[in-house]
């Protein structure tokens, strides 16, 4: 959901965004949570590099 919102804001020309995301204790306990977060952030970064 947060990634979709960031994408919409970027399409509107908003840049330099700071976004917070709430996570549950269950999500923090997932073994691959760090990898999942890195993959999401990397995907956002790669998408933005292609635009500019």
N, C-alpha and C. Protein backbone atom coordinates (compact mmCIF):
# COMPACT_ATOMS: atom_id res chain seq x y z
N UNK A 1 0.81 -1.18 0.00
CA UNK A 1 0.00 0.00 0.00
C UNK A 1 0.86 1.26 0.00
N UNK A 2 1.90 1.27 0.83
CA UNK A 2 2.77 2.45 0.92
C UNK A 2 3.50 2.67 -0.40
N UNK A 3 3.95 1.60 -1.04
CA UNK A 3 4.66 1.74 -2.32
C UNK A 3 3.75 2.31 -3.39
N UNK A 4 2.51 1.88 -3.39
CA UNK A 4 1.55 2.41 -4.36
C UNK A 4 1.33 3.90 -4.13
N UNK A 5 1.22 4.31 -2.88
CA UNK A 5 1.02 5.72 -2.57
C UNK A 5 2.24 6.55 -2.97
N UNK A 6 3.42 6.05 -2.70
CA UNK A 6 4.64 6.75 -3.10
C UNK A 6 4.65 6.94 -4.61
N UNK A 7 4.31 5.89 -5.35
CA UNK A 7 4.28 5.97 -6.80
C UNK A 7 3.30 7.03 -7.29
N UNK A 8 2.14 7.09 -6.67
CA UNK A 8 1.14 8.10 -7.06
C UNK A 8 1.66 9.51 -6.78
N UNK A 9 2.29 9.71 -5.63
CA UNK A 9 2.83 11.03 -5.31
C UNK A 9 3.93 11.43 -6.28
N UNK A 10 4.79 10.46 -6.65
CA UNK A 10 5.86 10.75 -7.60
C UNK A 10 5.28 11.13 -8.96
N UNK A 11 4.23 10.47 -9.38
CA UNK A 11 3.59 10.80 -10.65
C UNK A 11 2.99 12.20 -10.62
N UNK A 12 2.66 12.69 -9.43
CA UNK A 12 2.13 14.04 -9.28
C UNK A 12 3.26 15.08 -9.21
N UNK A 13 4.51 14.61 -9.26
CA UNK A 13 5.64 15.52 -9.24
C UNK A 13 6.22 15.77 -7.86
N UNK A 14 5.71 15.08 -6.86
CA UNK A 14 6.24 15.25 -5.51
C UNK A 14 7.51 14.40 -5.37
N UNK A 15 8.56 14.99 -4.86
CA UNK A 15 9.82 14.28 -4.68
C UNK A 15 10.31 14.49 -3.26
N UNK A 16 11.42 13.87 -2.94
CA UNK A 16 12.02 13.98 -1.61
C UNK A 16 11.03 13.58 -0.52
N UNK A 17 10.36 12.46 -0.74
CA UNK A 17 9.34 12.00 0.19
C UNK A 17 9.93 11.20 1.34
N UNK A 18 9.32 11.32 2.47
CA UNK A 18 9.65 10.52 3.64
C UNK A 18 8.37 9.82 4.07
N UNK A 19 8.43 8.50 4.18
CA UNK A 19 7.23 7.72 4.48
C UNK A 19 7.52 6.77 5.63
N UNK A 20 6.60 6.65 6.55
CA UNK A 20 6.68 5.69 7.64
C UNK A 20 5.68 4.57 7.39
N UNK A 21 6.05 3.38 7.79
CA UNK A 21 5.18 2.22 7.61
C UNK A 21 5.10 1.47 8.93
N UNK A 22 3.91 1.21 9.39
CA UNK A 22 3.71 0.43 10.62
C UNK A 22 3.82 -1.06 10.29
N UNK A 23 4.47 -1.77 11.19
CA UNK A 23 4.60 -3.22 11.03
C UNK A 23 4.17 -3.89 12.32
N UNK A 24 3.63 -5.08 12.18
CA UNK A 24 3.20 -5.84 13.36
C UNK A 24 4.37 -6.65 13.93
N UNK A 25 4.21 -7.09 15.15
CA UNK A 25 5.23 -7.94 15.77
C UNK A 25 5.41 -9.23 14.97
N UNK A 26 4.35 -9.73 14.40
CA UNK A 26 4.44 -10.95 13.58
C UNK A 26 5.34 -10.71 12.38
N UNK A 27 5.22 -9.56 11.74
CA UNK A 27 6.08 -9.24 10.60
C UNK A 27 7.54 -9.14 11.03
N UNK A 28 7.81 -8.53 12.17
CA UNK A 28 9.17 -8.42 12.66
C UNK A 28 9.78 -9.79 12.97
N UNK A 29 8.96 -10.76 13.29
CA UNK A 29 9.45 -12.10 13.64
C UNK A 29 9.70 -12.98 12.42
N UNK A 30 9.29 -12.54 11.25
CA UNK A 30 9.52 -13.32 10.03
C UNK A 30 11.02 -13.41 9.74
N UNK A 31 11.47 -14.59 9.40
CA UNK A 31 12.90 -14.80 9.17
C UNK A 31 13.45 -13.97 8.02
N UNK A 32 12.67 -13.72 7.02
CA UNK A 32 13.15 -13.03 5.83
C UNK A 32 12.75 -11.55 5.79
N UNK A 33 12.36 -10.98 6.92
CA UNK A 33 11.82 -9.61 6.91
C UNK A 33 12.85 -8.60 6.40
N UNK A 34 14.11 -8.74 6.80
CA UNK A 34 15.13 -7.80 6.35
C UNK A 34 15.30 -7.90 4.84
N UNK A 35 15.35 -9.12 4.33
CA UNK A 35 15.47 -9.33 2.88
C UNK A 35 14.26 -8.75 2.16
N UNK A 36 13.08 -8.95 2.68
CA UNK A 36 11.86 -8.43 2.06
C UNK A 36 11.89 -6.91 2.00
N UNK A 37 12.28 -6.27 3.09
CA UNK A 37 12.35 -4.80 3.13
C UNK A 37 13.41 -4.30 2.15
N UNK A 38 14.57 -4.94 2.12
CA UNK A 38 15.63 -4.54 1.18
C UNK A 38 15.15 -4.65 -0.26
N UNK A 39 14.42 -5.73 -0.58
CA UNK A 39 13.92 -5.94 -1.94
C UNK A 39 12.93 -4.85 -2.33
N UNK A 40 12.06 -4.48 -1.41
CA UNK A 40 11.06 -3.43 -1.67
C UNK A 40 11.74 -2.09 -1.90
N UNK A 41 12.67 -1.74 -1.01
CA UNK A 41 13.36 -0.46 -1.14
C UNK A 41 14.20 -0.43 -2.41
N UNK A 42 14.87 -1.52 -2.71
CA UNK A 42 15.67 -1.60 -3.93
C UNK A 42 14.80 -1.41 -5.17
N UNK A 43 13.63 -2.01 -5.17
CA UNK A 43 12.70 -1.86 -6.29
C UNK A 43 12.26 -0.42 -6.47
N UNK A 44 11.99 0.27 -5.38
CA UNK A 44 11.62 1.69 -5.46
C UNK A 44 12.77 2.51 -6.01
N UNK A 45 13.98 2.22 -5.52
CA UNK A 45 15.17 2.96 -5.95
C UNK A 45 15.42 2.75 -7.45
N UNK A 46 15.34 1.50 -7.90
CA UNK A 46 15.58 1.20 -9.31
C UNK A 46 14.53 1.86 -10.21
N UNK A 47 13.30 1.86 -9.78
CA UNK A 47 12.23 2.50 -10.56
C UNK A 47 12.49 3.99 -10.68
N UNK A 48 12.91 4.62 -9.60
CA UNK A 48 13.17 6.06 -9.62
C UNK A 48 14.38 6.40 -10.48
N UNK A 49 15.40 5.57 -10.51
CA UNK A 49 16.57 5.83 -11.33
C UNK A 49 16.20 5.80 -12.81
N UNK A 50 15.28 4.96 -13.20
CA UNK A 50 14.85 4.87 -14.60
C UNK A 50 14.09 6.12 -15.02
N UNK A 51 13.42 6.75 -14.11
CA UNK A 51 12.63 7.95 -14.43
C UNK A 51 13.50 9.18 -14.67
N UNK A 52 14.60 9.27 -13.94
CA UNK A 52 15.39 10.50 -13.97
C UNK A 52 16.67 10.32 -14.68
